[in-house]
Amino acid sequence: MSEWDFLHGLTGQELEDAMSTGATAEEWAWIEARESEEETEGEPRRNPKH
């Protein structure tokens, strides 16, 4: 399994975004949800939103 297997099945802008960021839209939604949870717990945000 390749580190690029997550790109399988993506097309167009979704593929370009995933290639440039290293994550799919669904993965970014999960990441942002975890960061939001951290903010509500009083921890500083580690990664700025894109």
PDB file of N, CA and C in Angstrom:
ATOM      1  N   MET A   1       0.848  -1.181   0.000  1.00  0.00           N
ATOM      2  CA  MET A   1       0.000   0.000   0.000  1.00  0.00           C
ATOM      3  C   MET A   1       0.894   1.245   0.000  1.00  0.00           C
ATOM      4  N   SER A   2       0.585   2.138  -0.890  1.00  0.00           N
ATOM      5  CA  SER A   2       1.353   3.365  -1.071  1.00  0.00           C
ATOM      6  C   SER A   2       0.812   4.487  -0.181  1.00  0.00           C
ATOM      7  N   GLU A   3       1.655   5.443   0.114  1.00  0.00           N
ATOM      8  CA  GLU A   3       1.187   6.599   0.885  1.00  0.00           C
ATOM      9  C   GLU A   3       0.231   7.467   0.083  1.00  0.00           C
ATOM     10  N   TRP A   4       0.137   7.234  -1.220  1.00  0.00           N
ATOM     11  CA  TRP A   4      -0.754   8.005  -2.085  1.00  0.00           C
ATOM     12  C   TRP A   4      -2.064   7.271  -2.390  1.00  0.00           C
ATOM     13  N   ASP A   5      -2.291   6.115  -1.789  1.00  0.00           N
ATOM     14  CA  ASP A   5      -3.517   5.349  -2.046  1.00  0.00           C
ATOM     15  C   ASP A   5      -4.781   6.122  -1.690  1.00  0.00           C
ATOM     16  N   PHE A   6      -4.686   7.073  -0.776  1.00  0.00           N
ATOM     17  CA  PHE A   6      -5.873   7.837  -0.395  1.00  0.00           C
ATOM     18  C   PHE A   6      -6.415   8.668  -1.556  1.00  0.00           C
ATOM     19  N   LEU A   7      -5.630   8.838  -2.613  1.00  0.00           N
ATOM     20  CA  LEU A   7      -6.067   9.620  -3.770  1.00  0.00           C
ATOM     21  C   LEU A   7      -6.951   8.810  -4.727  1.00  0.00           C
ATOM     22  N   HIS A   8      -6.989   7.499  -4.550  1.00  0.00           N
ATOM     23  CA  HIS A   8      -7.757   6.633  -5.446  1.00  0.00           C
ATOM     24  C   HIS A   8      -9.231   7.028  -5.438  1.00  0.00           C
ATOM     25  N   GLY A   9      -9.774   7.243  -6.617  1.00  0.00           N
ATOM     26  CA  GLY A   9     -11.185   7.577  -6.749  1.00  0.00           C
ATOM     27  C   GLY A   9     -11.498   9.065  -6.710  1.00  0.00           C
ATOM     28  N   LEU A  10     -10.515   9.897  -6.387  1.00  0.00           N
ATOM     29  CA  LEU A  10     -10.742  11.335  -6.370  1.00  0.00           C
ATOM     30  C   LEU A  10     -10.542  11.898  -7.773  1.00  0.00           C
ATOM     31  N   THR A  11     -11.266  12.950  -8.096  1.00  0.00           N
ATOM     32  CA  THR A  11     -11.122  13.582  -9.405  1.00  0.00           C
ATOM     33  C   THR A  11     -11.208  15.099  -9.260  1.00  0.00           C
ATOM     34  N   GLY A  12     -10.772  15.793 -10.291  1.00  0.00           N
ATOM     35  CA  GLY A  12     -10.924  17.246 -10.367  1.00  0.00           C
ATOM     36  C   GLY A  12     -10.314  17.993  -9.198  1.00  0.00           C
ATOM     37  N   GLN A  13     -11.049  18.986  -8.727  1.00  0.00           N
ATOM     38  CA  GLN A  13     -10.564  19.853  -7.651  1.00  0.00           C
ATOM     39  C   GLN A  13     -10.317  19.076  -6.365  1.00  0.00           C
ATOM     40  N   GLU A  14     -11.153  18.081  -6.103  1.00  0.00           N
ATOM     41  CA  GLU A  14     -10.970  17.258  -4.905  1.00  0.00           C
ATOM     42  C   GLU A  14      -9.607  16.559  -4.939  1.00  0.00           C
ATOM     43  N   LEU A  15      -9.216  16.060  -6.113  1.00  0.00           N
ATOM     44  CA  LEU A  15      -7.923  15.406  -6.275  1.00  0.00           C
ATOM     45  C   LEU A  15      -6.789  16.416  -6.102  1.00  0.00           C
ATOM     46  N   GLU A  16      -6.903  17.575  -6.719  1.00  0.00           N
ATOM     47  CA  GLU A  16      -5.870  18.602  -6.592  1.00  0.00           C
ATOM     48  C   GLU A  16      -5.706  19.041  -5.142  1.00  0.00           C
ATOM     49  N   ASP A  17      -6.812  19.257  -4.444  1.00  0.00           N
ATOM     50  CA  ASP A  17      -6.741  19.664  -3.043  1.00  0.00           C
ATOM     51  C   ASP A  17      -6.072  18.597  -2.185  1.00  0.00           C
ATOM     52  N   ALA A  18      -6.442  17.343  -2.400  1.00  0.00           N
ATOM     53  CA  ALA A  18      -5.860  16.252  -1.623  1.00  0.00           C
ATOM     54  C   ALA A  18      -4.369  16.114  -1.897  1.00  0.00           C
ATOM     55  N   MET A  19      -3.974  16.270  -3.159  1.00  0.00           N
ATOM     56  CA  MET A  19      -2.557  16.171  -3.505  1.00  0.00           C
ATOM     57  C   MET A  19      -1.749  17.304  -2.878  1.00  0.00           C
ATOM     58  N   SER A  20      -2.319  18.490  -2.801  1.00  0.00           N
ATOM     59  CA  SER A  20      -1.565  19.631  -2.285  1.00  0.00           C
ATOM     60  C   SER A  20      -1.538  19.692  -0.760  1.00  0.00           C
ATOM     61  N   THR A  21      -2.540  19.092  -0.102  1.00  0.00           N
ATOM     62  CA  THR A  21      -2.593  19.165   1.356  1.00  0.00           C
ATOM     63  C   THR A  21      -2.238  17.865   2.049  1.00  0.00           C
ATOM     64  N   GLY A  22      -2.342  16.747   1.326  1.00  0.00           N
ATOM     65  CA  GLY A  22      -2.048  15.454   1.932  1.00  0.00           C
ATOM     66  C   GLY A  22      -3.223  14.841   2.655  1.00  0.00           C
ATOM     67  N   ALA A  23      -4.415  15.400   2.485  1.00  0.00           N
ATOM     68  CA  ALA A  23      -5.602  14.861   3.145  1.00  0.00           C
ATOM     69  C   ALA A  23      -6.829  15.132   2.277  1.00  0.00           C
ATOM     70  N   THR A  24      -7.834  14.285   2.416  1.00  0.00           N
ATOM     71  CA  THR A  24      -9.083  14.492   1.687  1.00  0.00           C
ATOM     72  C   THR A  24      -9.970  15.467   2.451  1.00  0.00           C
ATOM     73  N   ALA A  25     -11.036  15.910   1.815  1.00  0.00           N
ATOM     74  CA  ALA A  25     -11.967  16.832   2.465  1.00  0.00           C
ATOM     75  C   ALA A  25     -12.540  16.214   3.736  1.00  0.00           C
ATOM     76  N   GLU A  26     -12.845  14.922   3.701  1.00  0.00           N
ATOM     77  CA  GLU A  26     -13.384  14.248   4.886  1.00  0.00           C
ATOM     78  C   GLU A  26     -12.360  14.224   6.017  1.00  0.00           C
ATOM     79  N   GLU A  27     -11.094  14.004   5.675  1.00  0.00           N
ATOM     80  CA  GLU A  27     -10.057  14.000   6.701  1.00  0.00           C
ATOM     81  C   GLU A  27      -9.876  15.387   7.301  1.00  0.00           C
ATOM     82  N   TRP A  28      -9.946  16.439   6.467  1.00  0.00           N
ATOM     83  CA  TRP A  28      -9.827  17.796   6.992  1.00  0.00           C
ATOM     84  C   TRP A  28     -10.991  18.130   7.910  1.00  0.00           C
ATOM     85  N   ALA A  29     -12.187  17.657   7.566  1.00  0.00           N
ATOM     86  CA  ALA A  29     -13.350  17.887   8.438  1.00  0.00           C
ATOM     87  C   ALA A  29     -13.099  17.251   9.798  1.00  0.00           C
ATOM     88  N   TRP A  30     -12.538  16.046   9.826  1.00  0.00           N
ATOM     89  CA  TRP A  30     -12.244  15.358  11.082  1.00  0.00           C
ATOM     90  C   TRP A  30     -11.163  16.118  11.865  1.00  0.00           C
ATOM     91  N   ILE A  31     -10.115  16.552  11.168  1.00  0.00           N
ATOM     92  CA  ILE A  31      -9.031  17.304  11.813  1.00  0.00           C
ATOM     93  C   ILE A  31      -9.566  18.594  12.433  1.00  0.00           C
ATOM     94  N   GLU A  32     -10.373  19.331  11.685  1.00  0.00           N
ATOM     95  CA  GLU A  32     -10.916  20.588  12.189  1.00  0.00           C
ATOM     96  C   GLU A  32     -11.852  20.358  13.371  1.00  0.00           C
ATOM     97  N   ALA A  33     -12.592  19.258  13.357  1.00  0.00           N
ATOM     98  CA  ALA A  33     -13.469  18.943  14.495  1.00  0.00           C
ATOM     99  C   ALA A  33     -12.635  18.677  15.748  1.00  0.00           C
ATOM    100  N   ARG A  34     -11.524  17.952  15.600  1.00  0.00           N
ATOM    101  CA  ARG A  34     -10.661  17.687  16.762  1.00  0.00           C
ATOM    102  C   ARG A  34     -10.035  18.981  17.268  1.00  0.00           C
ATOM    103  N   GLU A  35      -9.621  19.857  16.363  1.00  0.00           N
ATOM    104  CA  GLU A  35      -9.043  21.134  16.778  1.00  0.00           C
ATOM    105  C   GLU A  35     -10.083  21.982  17.494  1.00  0.00           C
ATOM    106  N   SER A  36     -11.311  21.933  17.022  1.00  0.00           N
ATOM    107  CA  SER A  36     -12.387  22.684  17.655  1.00  0.00           C
ATOM    108  C   SER A  36     -12.622  22.170  19.075  1.00  0.00           C
ATOM    109  N   GLU A  37     -12.563  20.849  19.243  1.00  0.00           N
ATOM    110  CA  GLU A  37     -12.707  20.267  20.578  1.00  0.00           C
ATOM    111  C   GLU A  37     -11.589  20.750  21.497  1.00  0.00           C
ATOM    112  N   GLU A  38     -10.375  20.837  20.968  1.00  0.00           N
ATOM    113  CA  GLU A  38      -9.248  21.312  21.764  1.00  0.00           C
ATOM    114  C   GLU A  38      -9.457  22.756  22.190  1.00  0.00           C
ATOM    115  N   GLU A  39      -9.985  23.581  21.278  1.00  0.00           N
ATOM    116  CA  GLU A  39     -10.234  24.984  21.607  1.00  0.00           C
ATOM    117  C   GLU A  39     -11.231  25.108  22.745  1.00  0.00           C
ATOM    118  N   THR A  40     -12.257  24.285  22.746  1.00  0.00           N
ATOM    119  CA  THR A  40     -13.262  24.366  23.806  1.00  0.00           C
ATOM    120  C   THR A  40     -12.694  23.883  25.128  1.00  0.00           C
ATOM    121  N   GLU A  41     -11.620  23.109  25.058  1.00  0.00           N
ATOM    122  CA  GLU A  41     -10.960  22.663  26.281  1.00  0.00           C
ATOM    123  C   GLU A  41      -9.909  23.660  26.750  1.00  0.00           C
ATOM    124  N   GLY A  42      -9.758  24.771  26.017  1.00  0.00           N
ATOM    125  CA  GLY A  42      -8.821  25.803  26.420  1.00  0.00           C
ATOM    126  C   GLY A  42      -7.424  25.652  25.867  1.00  0.00           C
ATOM    127  N   GLU A  43      -7.204  24.679  25.015  1.00  0.00           N
ATOM    128  CA  GLU A  43      -5.886  24.518  24.424  1.00  0.00           C
ATOM    129  C   GLU A  43      -5.772  25.400  23.193  1.00  0.00           C
ATOM    130  N   PRO A  44      -4.601  25.946  22.933  1.00  0.00           N
ATOM    131  CA  PRO A  44      -4.431  26.780  21.728  1.00  0.00           C
ATOM    132  C   PRO A  44      -4.505  25.945  20.462  1.00  0.00           C
ATOM    133  N   ARG A  45      -4.912  26.565  19.408  1.00  0.00           N
ATOM    134  CA  ARG A  45      -4.991  25.915  18.107  1.00  0.00           C
ATOM    135  C   ARG A  45      -3.581  25.707  17.568  1.00  0.00           C
ATOM    136  N   ARG A  46      -3.272  24.505  17.099  1.00  0.00           N
ATOM    137  CA  ARG A  46      -1.916  24.203  16.627  1.00  0.00           C
ATOM    138  C   ARG A  46      -1.738  24.483  15.152  1.00  0.00           C
ATOM    139  N   ASN A  47      -2.780  24.304  14.346  1.00  0.00           N
ATOM    140  CA  ASN A  47      -2.675  24.526  12.894  1.00  0.00           C
ATOM    141  C   ASN A  47      -3.730  25.523  12.474  1.00  0.00           C
ATOM    142  N   PRO A  48      -3.327  26.577  11.764  1.00  0.00           N
ATOM    143  CA  PRO A  48      -4.317  27.543  11.292  1.00  0.00           C
ATOM    144  C   PRO A  48      -5.190  26.941  10.201  1.00  0.00           C
ATOM    145  N   LYS A  49      -6.410  27.430  10.090  1.00  0.00           N
ATOM    146  CA  LYS A  49      -7.282  26.960   9.015  1.00  0.00           C
ATOM    147  C   LYS A  49      -6.732  27.424   7.686  1.00  0.00           C
ATOM    148  N   HIS A  50      -6.978  26.616   6.642  1.00  0.00           N
ATOM    149  CA  HIS A  50      -6.499  26.955   5.300  1.00  0.00           C
ATOM    150  C   HIS A  50      -7.537  27.761   4.607  1.00  0.00           C
TER     151      HIS A  50
END
